Amino acid sequence: MPAAAAGGGSAGGGIDGAGIFLVFITICVFLLPIFLIFPPVAPSQSDAISQTHKKVGLRRTGEKSGLKDNGRKKAGIKGLWIYPVKSCKGIEVSESRVLPSGLEFDRLFTFAQLRGAFPVSVSSSSSSLDNTSGGGEGEKGGKHSWEFVTQRQFPLLATVSVDLYIPDTTTKPTTTTTTTKVTLNDVDNIKRGGHDDVWIILRFPWRGDGLRGVWEWVSAKLRGGRHAVPEKEVLLPVAFPTEGGREEKGYQYESVKIWREQVLALNMSAEIPRELSLYLGVSNRLGLFRIDPARLREVYRCAPDQKEVGYQPVTGFQDAYPLHMLNLSSVRDFETKIQGDDQMKELDPRRFRANIIIDGVEAYDEESWKRVQFKGDTDTQSVFDVSCRTVRCKMPNVDQDSGSRHPVEPDRALRKFRDVDEGAKGKGCLGMQLTPLFDNAGSLGKKGGEEEEGEELEAWVEVGMEVEVLKRGEHRYIVQ
């Protein structure tokens, strides 16, 4: 009897393995929803800035882009795109301010690599080079200079995401919708010309080694869901740095080569993490340059001159002209001439990285335009000189989602079927280059981008605007 009593006491006073497991499962079930709602990970820069700012652009669910054929009947603007960082992912917008240099926020930054008689590796110290605006000499006496890079050399640039954030002046909570946009009034709330408190966040896939990489993977899943991948972020100011800001950050003016042109721009390479060079596969030193709004590149060749339009046409880090226009009908017709395969089942218009996408126009009709006007439902309108055809390089071979490069298409088809310009023999052409025109340009009499007594050269474009051809004529490309 005492033995039985002792045994009963032991069974009633202890917890067996099954009980411990039950307690563990209960705690997990209780904590799991808390972890999902409030993940125990540090907020990213995107999370932090989203508390006070809103992202510019359209966000569509279940679509690759907003350029699918909806059967538009009237000729007009189908889509608008800006590319704040040259050759990185674009941002689709519903409307945009038009400046002499192009669409607002377009091609403000470009990446470049330091080239010379001998390679300059990513890990080379700054002290080993005496960089000046015209390049520098290394320890071995070789000249070095900065040259811009694009998807032509490093196709993975297509996978570097670019988010543009402006101050959120609304106090109402944000609701989740299929499509959100920044309106004209939102953009007008930005300090005109200065872009104070406007930011860019670059994001690219990156996972560290070892346990740190595992935690980054877990954090990404907790923060963004099961499809999320670890990313590294870079925060960049849109406002051009002041003299004091340049000194504090160590930014310097240096010359960077854009095609055959040397451009004096602000070297902001201190903001680039080493991981970006490794991700892109850049063996030379990688640099980041910001165009100076007071040192914009003057545009000549096929563009109208200052006497004709009242101001000197200019551009930033665009290839040659302020804006690029693409006709979806022309893309569809050209697509039928491409030998499709598993790598390219359809021709995505985003491969051509245009600013203004039009539809409702016969294929290639835009090649006879010399001046066009886009008109909205209200008094909003904008006028452009159609300066020349867009001569294509091999960059459209790059898939804008994966960053993979097709070995031959559409470059082969462009050269075979779109060799249409006497000034660019042997080259394929698709799309048109535009120069904006302004009613008040003659009264200001200034170089593009400069102001007089608070006035600006500006216009607006919106998706849905109708296009009216004001003048037609022939085009002949002038090589740089």
Protein backbone atom coordinates (compact mmCIF):
# COMPACT_ATOMS: atom_id res chain seq x y z
CA MET A 1 0.00 0.00 0.00
CA PRO A 2 2.77 2.53 0.81
CA ALA A 3 4.47 1.49 -2.40
CA ALA A 4 1.32 2.07 -4.37
CA ALA A 5 0.82 5.44 -2.73
CA ALA A 6 4.37 6.40 -3.52
CA GLY A 7 3.92 5.41 -7.16
CA GLY A 8 0.71 7.43 -7.43
CA GLY A 9 2.43 10.48 -6.00
CA SER A 10 5.21 10.27 -8.56
CA ALA A 11 2.76 10.03 -11.46
CA GLY A 12 0.65 12.96 -10.30
CA GLY A 13 3.53 15.33 -9.50
CA GLY A 14 5.62 15.06 -12.72
CA ILE A 15 5.22 15.99 -16.44
CA ASP A 16 5.94 13.29 -18.98
CA GLY A 17 7.27 13.78 -22.56
CA ALA A 18 3.81 14.08 -24.08
CA GLY A 19 2.95 16.91 -21.72
CA ILE A 20 6.11 18.83 -22.54
CA PHE A 21 5.39 18.44 -26.27
CA LEU A 22 1.83 19.70 -25.76
CA VAL A 23 3.07 22.78 -23.90
CA PHE A 24 5.62 23.45 -26.69
CA ILE A 25 2.96 23.18 -29.42
CA THR A 26 0.64 25.50 -27.47
CA ILE A 27 3.35 28.16 -27.17
CA CYS A 28 4.20 27.88 -30.89
CA VAL A 29 0.55 28.19 -31.93
CA PHE A 30 0.23 31.28 -29.72
CA LEU A 31 3.43 32.93 -30.94
CA LEU A 32 3.13 32.12 -34.67
CA PRO A 33 0.47 34.77 -35.47
CA ILE A 34 2.48 37.34 -33.51
CA PHE A 35 5.61 36.52 -35.53
CA LEU A 36 3.67 36.78 -38.78
CA ILE A 37 2.10 40.15 -37.91
CA PHE A 38 5.15 41.54 -36.12
CA PRO A 39 8.17 39.66 -37.53
CA PRO A 40 11.18 39.82 -35.19
CA VAL A 41 13.43 41.36 -37.85
CA ALA A 42 14.88 44.81 -38.21
CA PRO A 43 12.92 47.04 -40.63
CA SER A 44 14.50 47.67 -44.02
CA GLN A 45 15.15 51.14 -45.39
CA SER A 46 12.06 50.69 -47.56
CA ASP A 47 9.97 49.86 -44.49
CA ALA A 48 11.27 52.90 -42.66
CA ILE A 49 10.77 55.42 -45.46
CA SER A 50 7.28 54.08 -46.21
CA GLN A 51 6.13 55.49 -42.86
CA THR A 52 6.53 59.08 -44.07
CA HIS A 53 6.74 58.80 -47.86
CA LYS A 54 4.83 57.12 -50.67
CA LYS A 55 6.17 55.28 -53.65
CA VAL A 56 5.80 56.88 -57.06
CA GLY A 57 4.35 54.75 -59.83
CA LEU A 58 1.74 52.18 -60.73
CA ARG A 59 1.63 48.82 -58.99
CA ARG A 60 -0.31 46.23 -60.94
CA THR A 61 -1.24 42.81 -59.66
CA GLY A 62 -0.66 39.83 -61.92
CA GLU A 63 0.70 41.83 -64.87
CA LYS A 64 4.19 42.10 -66.29
CA SER A 65 3.48 45.65 -67.40
CA GLY A 66 0.65 47.98 -68.30
CA LEU A 67 1.36 47.67 -72.02
CA LYS A 68 -0.93 44.81 -72.96
CA ASP A 69 -3.25 45.41 -75.92
CA ASN A 70 -6.58 46.72 -74.68
CA GLY A 71 -7.84 47.54 -78.17
CA ARG A 72 -7.28 51.27 -78.01
CA LYS A 73 -9.15 52.96 -80.87
CA LYS A 74 -7.87 56.54 -80.67
CA ALA A 75 -4.22 57.38 -81.14
CA GLY A 76 -2.70 58.40 -77.83
CA ILE A 77 -0.46 57.66 -74.88
CA LYS A 78 -0.68 54.09 -73.63
CA GLY A 79 2.09 54.18 -71.04
CA LEU A 80 4.72 56.41 -69.43
CA TRP A 81 8.02 55.23 -67.98
CA ILE A 82 10.88 56.87 -66.12
CA TYR A 83 14.30 55.37 -65.38
CA PRO A 84 15.90 57.31 -62.50
CA VAL A 85 19.03 55.13 -62.67
CA LYS A 86 20.20 54.43 -66.19
CA SER A 87 19.83 50.78 -67.28
CA CYS A 88 18.12 49.70 -64.04
CA LYS A 89 14.43 48.83 -63.69
CA GLY A 90 11.99 51.49 -64.82
CA ILE A 91 9.00 52.96 -63.02
CA GLU A 92 5.64 53.09 -64.78
CA VAL A 93 3.71 56.27 -64.01
CA SER A 94 0.31 57.63 -64.99
CA GLU A 95 1.55 61.18 -65.58
CA SER A 96 4.75 63.18 -65.48
CA ARG A 97 6.11 66.66 -65.65
CA VAL A 98 8.08 67.33 -68.83
CA LEU A 99 11.28 69.33 -68.39
CA PRO A 100 13.79 70.41 -71.05
CA SER A 101 15.95 67.41 -70.09
CA GLY A 102 13.05 64.95 -70.45
CA LEU A 103 10.53 63.43 -68.04
CA GLU A 104 11.05 64.46 -64.43
CA PHE A 105 13.32 62.05 -62.49
CA ASP A 106 14.47 60.31 -65.68
CA ARG A 107 18.13 59.20 -65.96
CA LEU A 108 19.43 61.21 -62.99
CA PHE A 109 22.11 58.61 -62.20
CA THR A 110 24.34 56.30 -64.19
CA PHE A 111 26.77 53.57 -63.24
CA ALA A 112 30.30 53.65 -64.63
CA GLN A 113 33.44 51.58 -64.40
CA LEU A 114 37.01 52.81 -64.14
CA ARG A 115 38.88 51.75 -67.26
CA GLY A 116 42.53 52.09 -68.11
CA ALA A 117 45.73 50.52 -69.40
CA PHE A 118 45.56 47.98 -66.57
CA PRO A 119 42.48 46.78 -64.63
CA VAL A 120 41.35 48.57 -61.48
CA SER A 121 39.77 45.95 -59.27
CA VAL A 122 36.83 46.44 -56.96
CA SER A 123 39.10 46.10 -53.93
CA SER A 124 41.70 48.65 -55.08
CA SER A 125 42.19 51.45 -52.59
CA SER A 126 41.40 55.02 -53.54
CA SER A 127 44.90 56.07 -52.59
CA SER A 128 46.36 54.00 -55.41
CA LEU A 129 44.70 56.27 -57.95
CA ASP A 130 44.83 60.02 -58.31
CA ASN A 131 41.43 60.53 -59.94
CA THR A 132 40.74 63.92 -61.46
CA SER A 133 38.03 65.21 -63.77
CA GLY A 134 39.98 63.89 -66.70
CA GLY A 135 40.95 60.55 -65.20
CA GLY A 136 43.96 59.58 -63.13
CA GLU A 137 47.26 57.75 -63.25
CA GLY A 138 47.76 54.56 -61.31
CA GLU A 139 50.91 53.30 -59.68
CA LYS A 140 51.97 51.68 -62.96
CA GLY A 141 51.57 54.91 -64.90
CA GLY A 142 48.45 53.88 -66.84
CA LYS A 143 45.70 56.38 -67.57
CA HIS A 144 42.30 55.66 -66.05
CA SER A 145 38.92 57.14 -66.91
CA TRP A 146 35.31 56.53 -66.06
CA GLU A 147 33.03 55.04 -68.74
CA PHE A 148 29.30 54.55 -68.30
CA VAL A 149 27.97 50.98 -68.20
CA THR A 150 24.59 49.59 -69.20
CA GLN A 151 22.84 46.27 -69.72
CA ARG A 152 24.95 45.87 -72.85
CA GLN A 153 27.91 44.92 -70.66
CA PHE A 154 26.13 43.87 -67.47
CA PRO A 155 22.64 42.52 -68.20
CA LEU A 156 21.86 41.94 -64.51
CA LEU A 157 21.37 45.69 -64.19
CA ALA A 158 17.88 44.92 -65.49
CA THR A 159 17.13 43.19 -62.17
CA VAL A 160 18.22 46.12 -59.98
CA SER A 161 14.95 47.61 -58.74
CA VAL A 162 14.51 51.36 -58.36
CA ASP A 163 11.88 52.81 -56.02
CA LEU A 164 11.15 56.54 -55.94
CA TYR A 165 9.66 58.01 -52.76
CA ILE A 166 8.10 61.44 -52.29
CA PRO A 167 6.75 62.94 -49.02
CA ASP A 168 3.28 61.68 -48.12
CA THR A 169 1.29 64.83 -47.46
CA THR A 170 -1.96 62.98 -46.82
CA THR A 171 -3.15 62.02 -43.37
CA LYS A 172 -5.63 59.36 -44.48
CA PRO A 173 -4.56 55.73 -44.10
CA THR A 174 -3.47 54.01 -47.28
CA THR A 175 -5.88 51.39 -48.63
CA THR A 176 -4.80 48.42 -50.66
CA THR A 177 -5.93 48.66 -54.28
CA THR A 178 -5.02 46.96 -57.52
CA THR A 179 -3.55 50.18 -58.89
CA THR A 180 -2.22 53.18 -56.98
CA LYS A 181 -0.78 56.33 -58.43
CA VAL A 182 0.79 59.63 -57.55
CA THR A 183 -1.32 62.49 -58.90
CA LEU A 184 -0.42 65.90 -60.27
CA ASN A 185 -1.25 67.49 -56.92
CA ASP A 186 1.06 65.07 -55.12
CA VAL A 187 3.98 65.98 -57.35
CA ASP A 188 3.21 69.70 -57.04
CA ASN A 189 3.67 69.36 -53.29
CA ILE A 190 7.35 68.62 -53.90
CA LYS A 191 9.55 71.69 -53.63
CA ARG A 192 9.83 72.76 -57.26
CA GLY A 193 13.25 72.20 -58.74
CA GLY A 194 14.87 71.18 -55.47
CA HIS A 195 13.28 67.77 -54.82
CA ASP A 196 14.06 68.10 -51.11
CA ASP A 197 13.10 64.99 -49.17
CA VAL A 198 12.65 62.89 -52.31
CA TRP A 199 14.56 59.62 -52.25
CA ILE A 200 15.54 56.67 -54.40
CA ILE A 201 16.07 53.18 -53.03
CA LEU A 202 18.02 50.70 -55.14
CA ARG A 203 17.36 47.03 -54.38
CA PHE A 204 19.19 43.99 -55.69
CA PRO A 205 19.11 40.30 -54.67
CA TRP A 206 21.87 39.41 -52.23
CA ARG A 207 22.39 36.74 -49.60
CA GLY A 208 25.46 36.54 -47.41
CA ASP A 209 27.46 33.46 -46.52
CA GLY A 210 27.00 31.06 -43.62
CA LEU A 211 24.62 31.65 -40.75
CA ARG A 212 24.24 35.30 -41.70
CA GLY A 213 22.90 34.26 -45.09
CA VAL A 214 20.46 31.85 -43.47
CA TRP A 215 19.14 34.61 -41.20
CA GLU A 216 18.81 36.98 -44.16
CA TRP A 217 16.76 34.33 -45.98
CA VAL A 218 14.52 33.79 -42.93
CA SER A 219 14.13 37.55 -42.41
CA ALA A 220 13.11 38.06 -46.04
CA LYS A 221 10.41 35.38 -45.74
CA LEU A 222 9.09 36.82 -42.48
CA ARG A 223 9.05 40.33 -43.87
CA GLY A 224 7.76 39.74 -47.39
CA GLY A 225 6.18 36.30 -47.57
CA ARG A 226 7.24 32.97 -49.02
CA HIS A 227 8.20 34.40 -52.43
CA ALA A 228 10.46 37.10 -50.99
CA VAL A 229 14.22 36.89 -51.46
CA PRO A 230 16.99 38.57 -49.47
CA GLU A 231 17.91 41.96 -50.90
CA LYS A 232 20.43 44.69 -50.24
CA GLU A 233 19.24 48.30 -50.39
CA VAL A 234 20.94 51.58 -51.23
CA LEU A 235 19.38 54.91 -50.26
CA LEU A 236 20.10 57.86 -52.59
CA PRO A 237 18.91 61.47 -52.37
CA VAL A 238 17.21 62.89 -55.47
CA ALA A 239 18.06 66.46 -54.54
CA PHE A 240 21.44 67.44 -55.94
CA PRO A 241 23.85 67.68 -52.97
CA THR A 242 24.82 71.12 -51.75
CA GLU A 243 28.47 72.16 -51.52
CA GLY A 244 28.47 71.37 -47.81
CA GLY A 245 26.83 68.01 -48.43
CA ARG A 246 29.39 67.16 -51.09
CA GLU A 247 32.27 67.94 -48.76
CA GLU A 248 30.72 65.95 -45.92
CA LYS A 249 30.18 62.87 -48.09
CA GLY A 250 33.42 63.21 -50.03
CA TYR A 251 31.67 63.51 -53.39
CA GLN A 252 33.79 64.97 -56.19
CA TYR A 253 33.22 66.14 -59.73
CA GLU A 254 34.79 63.81 -62.26
CA SER A 255 34.53 63.25 -65.99
CA VAL A 256 32.53 60.25 -67.16
CA LYS A 257 32.33 59.13 -70.78
CA ILE A 258 28.84 58.74 -72.29
CA TRP A 259 29.37 57.26 -75.73
CA ARG A 260 31.84 59.73 -77.31
CA GLU A 261 31.03 62.59 -74.98
CA GLN A 262 32.86 63.52 -71.77
CA VAL A 263 30.44 64.73 -69.07
CA LEU A 264 31.47 66.42 -65.82
CA ALA A 265 29.24 64.87 -63.18
CA LEU A 266 29.20 64.22 -59.44
CA ASN A 267 30.88 60.99 -58.37
CA MET A 268 28.76 59.46 -55.59
CA SER A 269 30.49 56.06 -55.62
CA ALA A 270 30.82 56.14 -51.83
CA GLU A 271 27.18 55.06 -51.67
CA ILE A 272 27.73 51.80 -53.59
CA PRO A 273 28.19 48.62 -51.51
CA ARG A 274 30.85 46.19 -52.65
CA GLU A 275 28.18 43.51 -52.99
CA LEU A 276 26.64 45.30 -55.99
CA SER A 277 29.85 44.92 -58.01
CA LEU A 278 29.97 41.24 -57.12
CA TYR A 279 26.31 40.74 -58.04
CA LEU A 280 26.66 42.45 -61.42
CA GLY A 281 29.96 40.77 -62.21
CA VAL A 282 31.92 44.03 -62.57
CA SER A 283 35.63 43.31 -62.16
CA ASN A 284 36.76 46.94 -62.48
CA ARG A 285 35.92 49.56 -59.90
CA LEU A 286 32.22 50.46 -60.09
CA GLY A 287 31.14 54.08 -59.80
CA LEU A 288 27.84 55.94 -59.46
CA PHE A 289 27.43 59.39 -61.02
CA ARG A 290 24.72 62.04 -60.58
CA ILE A 291 24.05 64.49 -63.40
CA ASP A 292 24.44 68.11 -62.31
CA PRO A 293 21.27 70.06 -63.24
CA ALA A 294 23.49 73.08 -63.87
CA ARG A 295 25.74 71.09 -66.25
CA LEU A 296 23.24 69.32 -68.49
CA ARG A 297 24.48 68.02 -71.84
CA GLU A 298 23.59 70.22 -74.81
CA VAL A 299 21.82 68.38 -77.64
CA TYR A 300 22.57 69.18 -81.29
CA ARG A 301 22.68 66.88 -84.34
CA CYS A 302 19.02 66.14 -85.23
CA ALA A 303 17.48 68.28 -82.49
CA PRO A 304 16.08 71.74 -83.30
CA ASP A 305 18.42 74.65 -82.57
CA GLN A 306 17.95 77.43 -80.05
CA LYS A 307 16.76 79.96 -82.64
CA GLU A 308 13.97 77.64 -83.73
CA VAL A 309 12.59 76.61 -80.32
CA GLY A 310 13.70 79.48 -78.07
CA TYR A 311 16.03 77.50 -75.79
CA GLN A 312 19.06 75.23 -76.08
CA PRO A 313 17.88 71.59 -75.96
CA VAL A 314 19.59 69.60 -73.21
CA THR A 315 19.55 66.15 -71.68
CA GLY A 316 20.86 64.30 -68.64
CA PHE A 317 22.18 60.72 -68.73
CA GLN A 318 19.90 59.71 -71.62
CA ASP A 319 21.82 58.28 -74.56
CA ALA A 320 21.42 61.30 -76.82
CA TYR A 321 18.01 63.02 -76.71
CA PRO A 322 15.61 64.01 -73.91
CA LEU A 323 12.82 61.48 -74.57
CA HIS A 324 12.20 58.24 -76.41
CA MET A 325 8.79 57.39 -77.93
CA LEU A 326 7.69 53.91 -78.99
CA ASN A 327 4.63 52.86 -81.02
CA LEU A 328 3.07 49.58 -79.82
CA SER A 329 1.68 48.89 -83.30
CA SER A 330 5.22 49.02 -84.68
CA VAL A 331 6.41 46.64 -81.97
CA ARG A 332 3.63 44.17 -82.76
CA ASP A 333 4.38 44.26 -86.47
CA PHE A 334 8.11 43.87 -85.90
CA GLU A 335 7.48 40.96 -83.52
CA THR A 336 6.09 38.90 -86.41
CA LYS A 337 9.50 39.07 -88.10
CA ILE A 338 11.43 37.58 -85.15
CA GLN A 339 12.27 33.90 -85.06
CA GLY A 340 10.78 33.04 -81.70
CA ASP A 341 12.16 30.34 -79.42
CA ASP A 342 11.95 29.24 -75.80
CA GLN A 343 14.04 32.22 -74.71
CA MET A 344 11.81 34.75 -76.47
CA LYS A 345 8.21 33.67 -76.93
CA GLU A 346 7.01 37.26 -77.21
CA LEU A 347 8.61 40.67 -77.64
CA ASP A 348 8.19 42.71 -74.48
CA PRO A 349 8.02 46.47 -75.29
CA ARG A 350 9.93 47.16 -72.07
CA ARG A 351 13.08 45.85 -73.76
CA PHE A 352 13.23 49.14 -75.70
CA ARG A 353 13.07 51.29 -72.52
CA ALA A 354 10.97 54.10 -73.98
CA ASN A 355 9.51 57.01 -72.00
CA ILE A 356 6.30 57.51 -73.96
CA ILE A 357 4.42 54.48 -75.30
CA ILE A 358 1.71 55.25 -77.86
CA ASP A 359 -0.98 53.06 -79.39
CA GLY A 360 -3.84 53.38 -81.87
CA VAL A 361 -1.39 54.43 -84.59
CA GLU A 362 -0.56 52.48 -87.73
CA ALA A 363 2.74 50.63 -87.59
CA TYR A 364 5.72 52.89 -88.38
CA ASP A 365 3.51 55.92 -89.10
CA GLU A 366 5.45 57.75 -86.39
CA GLU A 367 8.53 57.74 -88.62
CA SER A 368 6.96 60.45 -90.78
CA TRP A 369 6.16 62.74 -87.83
CA LYS A 370 8.17 65.92 -87.34
CA ARG A 371 6.09 67.63 -84.63
CA VAL A 372 3.36 66.18 -82.40
CA GLN A 373 1.02 67.39 -79.69
CA PHE A 374 -0.48 65.36 -76.85
CA LYS A 375 -3.81 66.70 -75.56
CA GLY A 376 -5.74 65.77 -72.42
CA ASP A 377 -9.37 66.16 -71.40
CA THR A 378 -8.61 69.54 -69.84
CA ASP A 379 -6.33 72.27 -71.15
CA THR A 380 -3.29 70.10 -70.41
CA GLN A 381 -1.13 69.61 -73.49
CA SER A 382 2.47 69.13 -74.52
CA VAL A 383 4.28 69.57 -77.83
CA PHE A 384 7.39 67.75 -79.03
CA ASP A 385 9.80 67.96 -81.91
CA VAL A 386 10.20 64.47 -83.35
CA SER A 387 13.95 64.75 -83.87
CA CYS A 388 15.04 61.41 -85.36
CA ARG A 389 14.65 57.65 -85.35
CA THR A 390 16.04 55.59 -82.48
CA VAL A 391 19.00 53.57 -83.73
CA ARG A 392 19.07 50.34 -81.78
CA CYS A 393 22.00 48.57 -80.19
CA LYS A 394 21.99 45.03 -78.76
CA MET A 395 20.51 46.06 -75.43
CA PRO A 396 16.93 44.95 -76.36
CA ASN A 397 18.31 41.39 -76.33
CA VAL A 398 18.17 41.57 -72.51
CA ASP A 399 15.07 40.22 -70.77
CA GLN A 400 13.88 42.95 -68.39
CA ASP A 401 12.65 40.50 -65.76
CA SER A 402 15.44 37.93 -65.52
CA GLY A 403 18.42 39.89 -66.84
CA SER A 404 19.22 37.05 -69.25
CA ARG A 405 20.49 37.98 -72.69
CA HIS A 406 19.25 36.34 -75.88
CA PRO A 407 22.21 35.46 -78.13
CA VAL A 408 20.81 37.06 -81.31
CA GLU A 409 17.28 38.45 -81.07
CA PRO A 410 15.83 40.98 -81.56
CA ASP A 411 19.11 42.51 -82.76
CA ARG A 412 19.31 40.20 -85.80
CA ALA A 413 15.76 41.00 -86.90
CA LEU A 414 16.29 44.72 -86.32
CA ARG A 415 19.33 44.79 -88.62
CA LYS A 416 17.59 42.68 -91.25
CA PHE A 417 14.12 44.25 -91.36
CA ARG A 418 14.56 47.72 -89.82
CA ASP A 419 17.58 49.04 -91.72
CA VAL A 420 15.48 52.01 -92.86
CA ASP A 421 17.51 55.16 -92.18
CA GLU A 422 20.01 56.43 -94.74
CA GLY A 423 22.04 58.02 -91.96
CA ALA A 424 22.45 54.75 -90.05
CA LYS A 425 23.13 52.14 -92.71
CA GLY A 426 23.40 48.60 -91.40
CA LYS A 427 21.64 49.52 -88.14
CA GLY A 428 18.13 48.65 -87.07
CA CYS A 429 15.72 51.44 -86.05
CA LEU A 430 12.61 51.28 -83.88
CA GLY A 431 11.13 54.22 -81.99
CA MET A 432 11.60 57.97 -82.23
CA GLN A 433 13.65 60.52 -80.26
CA LEU A 434 11.80 63.60 -78.98
CA THR A 435 12.76 67.11 -77.93
CA PRO A 436 10.18 68.97 -75.80
CA LEU A 437 8.89 72.37 -76.96
CA PHE A 438 7.57 75.11 -74.68
CA ASP A 439 5.35 78.12 -75.38
CA ASN A 440 7.30 80.39 -73.03
CA ALA A 441 10.77 79.34 -74.20
CA GLY A 442 11.22 82.38 -76.44
CA SER A 443 10.30 84.82 -73.68
CA LEU A 444 12.77 83.25 -71.24
CA GLY A 445 15.57 82.98 -73.78
CA LYS A 446 17.51 80.65 -71.51
CA LYS A 447 19.41 77.42 -71.75
CA GLY A 448 17.17 74.48 -70.94
CA GLY A 449 16.76 73.94 -67.21
CA GLU A 450 17.60 77.49 -66.14
CA GLU A 451 14.96 79.75 -64.62
CA GLU A 452 14.26 83.43 -64.79
CA GLU A 453 12.21 85.21 -62.13
CA GLY A 454 10.72 81.92 -60.91
CA GLU A 455 9.48 80.78 -64.32
CA GLU A 456 10.19 77.30 -65.60
CA LEU A 457 10.10 75.52 -68.91
CA GLU A 458 7.69 72.67 -68.27
CA ALA A 459 4.69 70.76 -69.58
CA TRP A 460 2.73 67.64 -68.61
CA VAL A 461 1.98 64.28 -70.18
CA GLU A 462 -0.64 61.80 -69.00
CA VAL A 463 -1.69 58.31 -69.97
CA GLY A 464 -4.79 58.60 -72.14
CA MET A 465 -3.78 61.84 -73.86
CA GLU A 466 -4.61 61.86 -77.57
CA VAL A 467 -1.90 62.51 -80.13
CA GLU A 468 -2.21 65.03 -82.94
CA VAL A 469 0.39 65.18 -85.69
CA LEU A 470 1.24 68.84 -86.36
CA LYS A 471 3.91 68.34 -89.01
CA ARG A 472 5.27 65.53 -91.18
CA GLY A 473 8.52 65.10 -93.07
CA GLU A 474 11.55 62.94 -93.75
CA HIS A 475 14.17 61.82 -91.20
CA ARG A 476 17.87 61.18 -91.64
CA TYR A 477 19.93 60.18 -88.63
CA ILE A 478 23.15 62.10 -87.89
CA VAL A 479 25.85 59.96 -86.27
CA GLN A 480 27.56 61.38 -83.19
